Amino acid sequence: MTTSPSAVAADLAAPGVLDDGVAVAFEREGFARLAGVLDVATVAAFTPIVADVAAQSEQATIPQQQRSVYQRAFVQEVNLWQRIELMRPLVFSTKLAQLAAELLGVDGVRLYHDQALVKVAGGGRTPWHCDQYYWPLDTDRTVTAWIPLQDVPPEMGPLSFAVGSHRIDLGRELDISDESERRIFRHPHWRELLIDHAPAVAGDVTFHQGWTFHGAEPNTTDRARVVFTMIYFADGTPLLDPETPGQQFDRTIWLPDSEVGNPVQSWLNPLVWARDGRHRSTLAGLPPVDDRIGTLEPSR
């Protein structure tokens, strides 16, 4: 399946439109599964790029049995927009950023970073966790857009969500590991939460809040599960004084030139969409690609 670059760009720049009630449900449940957000041909344009990045990742050279729980869950490569020009239209899609902002109920969103998350054939399960444990951002207006670059049936490990878990502190001080998951399962409110295990379809996009607990089953197939994500936060969010090793790492790597207590607005966190149109020069104002940038792996 092929499509022209202009058609891909047009799809990614089209206005994002939410059905009635979706933003309310997102606030109540902590996540939203939006069907048919992107054309299947648009998604297919990025699948081989992300798959190739994962195949050439240094992490892929580590034998599966020697990997950490985090590494067995997926091969992760970050900030592809800094290294690969062809990824920039997806990362800076105004359609996806507008949807993120509308779901959060804010007037603009900035990019935290992007991620390739490829669960290889036979890849392990992703333990239950919440992402914002790692983010030194003084807000709960954060969201991840999880974009399957192919159909993801149950046997490939689609993302599952604990409905309403963003409103309960099940273990927000925990990183992602088997032991932290066991502690989450022991929380008295865990059994009260419904779990959404829906499969994913190419062209669909899920959005989940930073404090929403989520996980994924193993990939038991002989094919890789190729997924790409962007993390957004509300424009005007102040930098939080880091409280955990993960937050200290992220503060150094992803939030340069930002001061604790002041709004994050560094070159690495551009404004991707704003209601007043200030985002319109985002792509034109980006630095040139550089293979040396963004290759550090989070210590998780």
Protein backbone atom coordinates (compact mmCIF):
# COMPACT_ATOMS: atom_id res chain seq x y z
CA MET A 1 0.00 0.00 0.00
CA THR A 2 1.46 3.33 -1.07
CA THR A 3 0.30 6.91 -1.01
CA SER A 4 1.87 10.21 -1.99
CA PRO A 5 3.77 12.34 0.55
CA SER A 6 1.30 15.15 -0.11
CA ALA A 7 -1.66 12.90 0.75
CA VAL A 8 0.07 11.78 3.96
CA ALA A 9 0.81 15.38 4.91
CA ALA A 10 -2.78 16.42 4.20
CA ASP A 11 -4.17 13.62 6.36
CA LEU A 12 -1.87 14.50 9.27
CA ALA A 13 -2.73 18.21 9.01
CA ALA A 14 -6.49 17.82 8.69
CA PRO A 15 -8.58 19.19 11.58
CA GLY A 16 -9.05 16.79 14.47
CA VAL A 17 -12.69 16.24 15.33
CA LEU A 18 -14.01 14.52 18.48
CA ASP A 19 -17.44 12.93 18.63
CA ASP A 20 -19.81 14.25 21.28
CA GLY A 21 -19.04 12.94 24.74
CA VAL A 22 -15.56 11.60 23.97
CA ALA A 23 -13.72 14.26 25.99
CA VAL A 24 -16.06 13.71 28.94
CA ALA A 25 -15.47 9.94 28.81
CA PHE A 26 -11.73 10.52 28.50
CA GLU A 27 -11.78 12.57 31.68
CA ARG A 28 -13.83 9.93 33.47
CA GLU A 29 -11.98 6.82 32.25
CA GLY A 30 -8.46 8.15 31.69
CA PHE A 31 -8.15 7.02 28.09
CA ALA A 32 -9.92 7.10 24.72
CA ARG A 33 -9.81 4.75 21.76
CA LEU A 34 -10.49 6.77 18.60
CA ALA A 35 -11.32 4.81 15.46
CA GLY A 36 -10.19 5.78 11.96
CA VAL A 37 -8.20 8.84 12.97
CA LEU A 38 -5.64 8.29 10.21
CA ASP A 39 -5.87 6.75 6.78
CA VAL A 40 -4.44 3.24 6.67
CA ALA A 41 -2.12 4.37 3.86
CA THR A 42 -0.82 7.19 6.06
CA VAL A 43 0.04 4.74 8.83
CA ALA A 44 1.68 2.34 6.36
CA ALA A 45 4.05 5.10 5.20
CA PHE A 46 5.76 5.08 8.61
CA THR A 47 5.70 1.36 9.45
CA PRO A 48 8.93 0.35 7.63
CA ILE A 49 10.82 3.36 9.02
CA VAL A 50 9.98 2.53 12.64
CA ALA A 51 10.54 -1.20 12.11
CA ASP A 52 13.99 -0.50 10.66
CA VAL A 53 14.94 1.79 13.55
CA ALA A 54 14.04 -0.97 16.00
CA ALA A 55 15.90 -3.62 14.01
CA GLN A 56 19.06 -1.49 14.10
CA SER A 57 18.69 -0.51 17.76
CA GLU A 58 21.53 -1.36 20.11
CA GLN A 59 18.93 -2.88 22.40
CA ALA A 60 18.08 -5.44 19.69
CA THR A 61 21.59 -6.88 19.98
CA ILE A 62 21.01 -7.97 23.60
CA PRO A 63 19.82 -11.60 23.88
CA GLN A 64 16.23 -11.74 25.11
CA GLN A 65 17.13 -13.69 28.24
CA GLN A 66 19.67 -11.02 29.24
CA ARG A 67 17.27 -8.09 28.92
CA SER A 68 15.54 -6.33 31.80
CA VAL A 69 11.78 -6.60 32.22
CA TYR A 70 11.48 -3.21 30.51
CA GLN A 71 13.68 -4.29 27.59
CA ARG A 72 11.83 -7.58 27.13
CA ALA A 73 8.57 -5.68 26.77
CA PHE A 74 9.69 -3.82 23.65
CA VAL A 75 12.58 -2.28 21.77
CA GLN A 76 12.41 1.45 22.49
CA GLU A 77 13.96 4.23 20.44
CA VAL A 78 13.23 7.85 21.26
CA ASN A 79 12.96 11.22 19.51
CA LEU A 80 13.02 9.90 15.98
CA TRP A 81 12.02 13.39 14.83
CA GLN A 82 15.55 14.57 15.60
CA ARG A 83 17.16 11.84 13.52
CA ILE A 84 14.80 11.05 10.65
CA GLU A 85 13.29 13.78 8.51
CA LEU A 86 10.55 11.48 7.22
CA MET A 87 9.16 11.00 10.73
CA ARG A 88 8.55 14.69 11.34
CA PRO A 89 5.13 14.93 9.62
CA LEU A 90 3.79 12.24 11.99
CA VAL A 91 5.43 13.59 15.16
CA PHE A 92 4.22 17.12 14.44
CA SER A 93 0.80 16.17 13.11
CA THR A 94 -1.54 19.03 13.98
CA LYS A 95 -4.48 16.64 13.74
CA LEU A 96 -3.13 14.41 16.51
CA ALA A 97 -1.94 17.32 18.65
CA GLN A 98 -5.30 19.07 18.33
CA LEU A 99 -7.09 15.89 19.41
CA ALA A 100 -4.73 15.66 22.41
CA ALA A 101 -5.45 19.26 23.38
CA GLU A 102 -9.22 18.86 22.97
CA LEU A 103 -9.21 15.71 25.10
CA LEU A 104 -7.20 17.47 27.82
CA GLY A 105 -9.36 20.57 27.62
CA VAL A 106 -6.39 22.90 27.07
CA ASP A 107 -5.59 25.60 24.50
CA GLY A 108 -2.28 24.15 23.34
CA VAL A 109 0.11 21.22 23.73
CA ARG A 110 3.87 20.82 23.57
CA LEU A 111 5.84 17.71 22.64
CA TYR A 112 7.57 15.88 25.47
CA HIS A 113 9.15 13.30 23.20
CA ASP A 114 8.29 10.59 20.68
CA GLN A 115 8.96 6.85 20.98
CA ALA A 116 9.18 3.80 18.75
CA LEU A 117 7.88 0.87 20.83
CA VAL A 118 8.36 -2.38 18.93
CA LYS A 119 7.35 -5.58 20.72
CA VAL A 120 9.38 -8.15 18.82
CA ALA A 121 8.12 -11.62 17.94
CA GLY A 122 8.03 -13.49 21.25
CA GLY A 123 8.45 -10.23 23.16
CA GLY A 124 7.48 -10.18 26.82
CA ARG A 125 4.55 -8.58 28.55
CA THR A 126 4.53 -4.92 29.56
CA PRO A 127 3.89 -4.73 33.33
CA TRP A 128 1.16 -2.42 34.56
CA HIS A 129 2.44 1.08 35.25
CA CYS A 130 1.67 4.78 34.83
CA ASP A 131 3.95 6.93 32.68
CA GLN A 132 3.94 10.14 34.69
CA TYR A 133 6.13 8.57 37.37
CA TYR A 134 8.99 9.54 35.02
CA TRP A 135 7.90 13.07 34.12
CA PRO A 136 8.89 16.16 36.16
CA LEU A 137 5.88 18.13 34.94
CA ASP A 138 3.74 20.10 37.38
CA THR A 139 0.38 19.18 35.85
CA ASP A 140 -1.95 16.27 35.25
CA ARG A 141 -2.68 17.61 31.75
CA THR A 142 -0.46 15.08 29.99
CA VAL A 143 -1.38 12.51 27.37
CA THR A 144 0.24 9.85 25.20
CA ALA A 145 -0.97 9.17 21.66
CA TRP A 146 -0.39 5.43 21.01
CA ILE A 147 -0.40 4.74 17.27
CA PRO A 148 -0.45 1.13 16.02
CA LEU A 149 1.36 1.02 12.67
CA GLN A 150 -0.44 -2.20 11.79
CA ASP A 151 -3.38 -4.18 13.15
CA VAL A 152 -2.61 -5.43 16.67
CA PRO A 153 -4.80 -8.44 17.59
CA PRO A 154 -4.87 -9.79 21.17
CA GLU A 155 -2.03 -12.23 20.55
CA MET A 156 0.35 -9.38 19.63
CA GLY A 157 -0.09 -7.48 22.90
CA PRO A 158 -2.26 -4.41 22.33
CA LEU A 159 -2.39 -1.78 25.05
CA SER A 160 -4.82 -2.45 27.93
CA PHE A 161 -6.13 0.15 30.38
CA ALA A 162 -7.39 0.08 33.95
CA VAL A 163 -10.53 2.18 33.61
CA GLY A 164 -10.56 5.17 35.94
CA SER A 165 -7.16 4.33 37.46
CA HIS A 166 -5.89 7.88 36.87
CA ARG A 167 -8.09 8.96 39.77
CA ILE A 168 -6.59 6.46 42.24
CA ASP A 169 -3.05 6.36 43.60
CA LEU A 170 -2.34 2.67 43.00
CA GLY A 171 1.41 3.19 43.23
CA ARG A 172 2.41 6.38 41.48
CA GLU A 173 5.83 6.21 43.09
CA LEU A 174 6.62 2.91 41.30
CA ASP A 175 8.67 2.37 38.17
CA ILE A 176 7.88 -0.32 35.59
CA SER A 177 8.89 -3.78 36.83
CA ASP A 178 7.46 -7.12 37.88
CA GLU A 179 7.79 -6.21 41.55
CA SER A 180 6.03 -2.86 41.16
CA GLU A 181 3.22 -4.62 39.31
CA ARG A 182 2.80 -7.09 42.17
CA ARG A 183 2.47 -4.14 44.54
CA ILE A 184 -0.14 -2.56 42.28
CA PHE A 185 -2.13 -5.81 42.23
CA ARG A 186 -2.14 -5.83 46.04
CA HIS A 187 -3.77 -2.40 46.22
CA PRO A 188 -7.29 -2.79 47.68
CA HIS A 189 -8.91 -0.84 44.84
CA TRP A 190 -7.24 -2.74 41.96
CA ARG A 191 -9.91 -5.46 41.82
CA GLU A 192 -12.62 -2.81 41.61
CA LEU A 193 -11.31 -1.49 38.29
CA LEU A 194 -12.56 -2.73 34.93
CA ILE A 195 -9.84 -3.62 32.42
CA ASP A 196 -10.20 -2.64 28.77
CA HIS A 197 -8.40 -5.24 26.62
CA ALA A 198 -9.58 -4.14 23.15
CA PRO A 199 -7.38 -5.00 20.14
CA ALA A 200 -6.02 -2.20 17.96
CA VAL A 201 -6.51 -1.51 14.27
CA ALA A 202 -4.23 0.41 11.91
CA GLY A 203 -5.57 3.96 11.57
CA ASP A 204 -6.94 4.00 15.11
CA VAL A 205 -5.20 6.00 17.83
CA THR A 206 -5.52 5.61 21.60
CA PHE A 207 -4.88 8.48 23.99
CA HIS A 208 -4.17 7.89 27.68
CA GLN A 209 -3.48 10.28 30.53
CA GLY A 210 -0.15 10.31 32.34
CA TRP A 211 -1.57 8.79 35.55
CA THR A 212 -3.63 6.09 33.80
CA PHE A 213 -2.35 2.61 34.57
CA HIS A 214 -1.84 0.45 31.51
CA GLY A 215 0.02 -2.65 30.35
CA ALA A 216 0.20 -5.17 27.52
CA GLU A 217 0.33 -8.93 27.11
CA PRO A 218 3.24 -10.68 25.35
CA ASN A 219 3.55 -10.87 21.59
CA THR A 220 3.08 -14.59 20.98
CA THR A 221 3.19 -14.29 17.19
CA ASP A 222 6.12 -14.56 14.79
CA ARG A 223 5.74 -10.90 13.73
CA ALA A 224 6.81 -7.70 15.45
CA ARG A 225 4.21 -5.34 16.91
CA VAL A 226 5.19 -1.95 15.51
CA VAL A 227 3.88 1.04 17.47
CA PHE A 228 4.80 4.71 17.61
CA THR A 229 3.86 7.21 20.31
CA MET A 230 3.96 10.91 21.02
CA ILE A 231 3.70 12.37 24.52
CA TYR A 232 2.15 15.81 24.90
CA PHE A 233 1.72 18.19 27.83
CA ALA A 234 -0.30 21.37 28.22
CA ASP A 235 1.40 24.54 27.04
CA GLY A 236 2.35 26.64 30.07
CA THR A 237 3.17 23.66 32.29
CA PRO A 238 5.90 24.48 34.86
CA LEU A 239 8.92 22.25 35.39
CA LEU A 240 8.60 20.26 38.61
CA ASP A 241 11.58 19.81 40.90
CA PRO A 242 12.53 16.15 40.15
CA GLU A 243 11.68 13.75 42.97
CA THR A 244 12.74 10.37 41.53
CA PRO A 245 15.74 9.08 39.54
CA GLY A 246 13.47 8.75 36.50
CA GLN A 247 12.37 12.37 36.79
CA GLN A 248 15.96 13.52 37.28
CA PHE A 249 16.97 11.70 34.10
CA ASP A 250 14.06 13.14 32.11
CA ARG A 251 14.72 16.64 33.41
CA THR A 252 18.28 16.45 32.05
CA ILE A 253 17.53 14.75 28.72
CA TRP A 254 14.10 15.96 27.64
CA LEU A 255 13.67 19.35 29.31
CA PRO A 256 16.82 21.39 28.59
CA ASP A 257 16.96 25.11 29.20
CA SER A 258 13.98 24.87 31.58
CA GLU A 259 13.92 26.15 35.15
CA VAL A 260 12.02 24.65 38.06
CA GLY A 261 8.78 26.56 38.60
CA ASN A 262 8.80 28.19 35.16
CA PRO A 263 6.84 27.05 32.07
CA VAL A 264 8.64 24.50 29.90
CA GLN A 265 9.26 26.00 26.46
CA SER A 266 12.64 24.71 25.30
CA TRP A 267 13.60 24.02 21.68
CA LEU A 268 13.24 20.29 22.41
CA ASN A 269 9.62 20.74 23.50
CA PRO A 270 8.04 22.73 20.67
CA LEU A 271 4.44 23.89 20.63
CA VAL A 272 2.74 21.39 18.29
CA TRP A 273 -0.76 22.85 18.32
CA ALA A 274 -2.37 25.95 19.80
CA ARG A 275 -5.89 27.27 19.44
CA ASP A 276 -4.56 30.72 18.51
CA GLY A 277 -2.37 29.31 15.72
CA ARG A 278 1.05 29.99 17.26
CA HIS A 279 2.13 26.47 16.24
CA ARG A 280 2.02 27.11 12.51
CA SER A 281 5.79 27.53 12.09
CA THR A 282 6.70 24.36 14.05
CA LEU A 283 8.09 22.29 11.16
CA ALA A 284 9.87 25.25 9.58
CA GLY A 285 11.54 26.14 12.88
CA LEU A 286 12.98 22.70 13.72
CA PRO A 287 16.74 22.11 13.81
CA PRO A 288 18.28 19.91 11.09
CA VAL A 289 18.33 16.16 11.64
CA ASP A 290 21.37 14.79 13.45
CA ASP A 291 22.09 11.09 13.99
CA ARG A 292 23.95 11.91 17.19
CA ILE A 293 20.96 13.45 18.92
CA GLY A 294 18.32 11.64 20.92
CA THR A 295 20.05 8.26 20.99
CA LEU A 296 20.39 8.07 24.78
CA GLU A 297 18.25 5.31 26.23
CA PRO A 298 16.21 6.12 29.35
CA SER A 299 17.60 4.29 32.38
CA ARG A 300 14.37 2.44 33.26
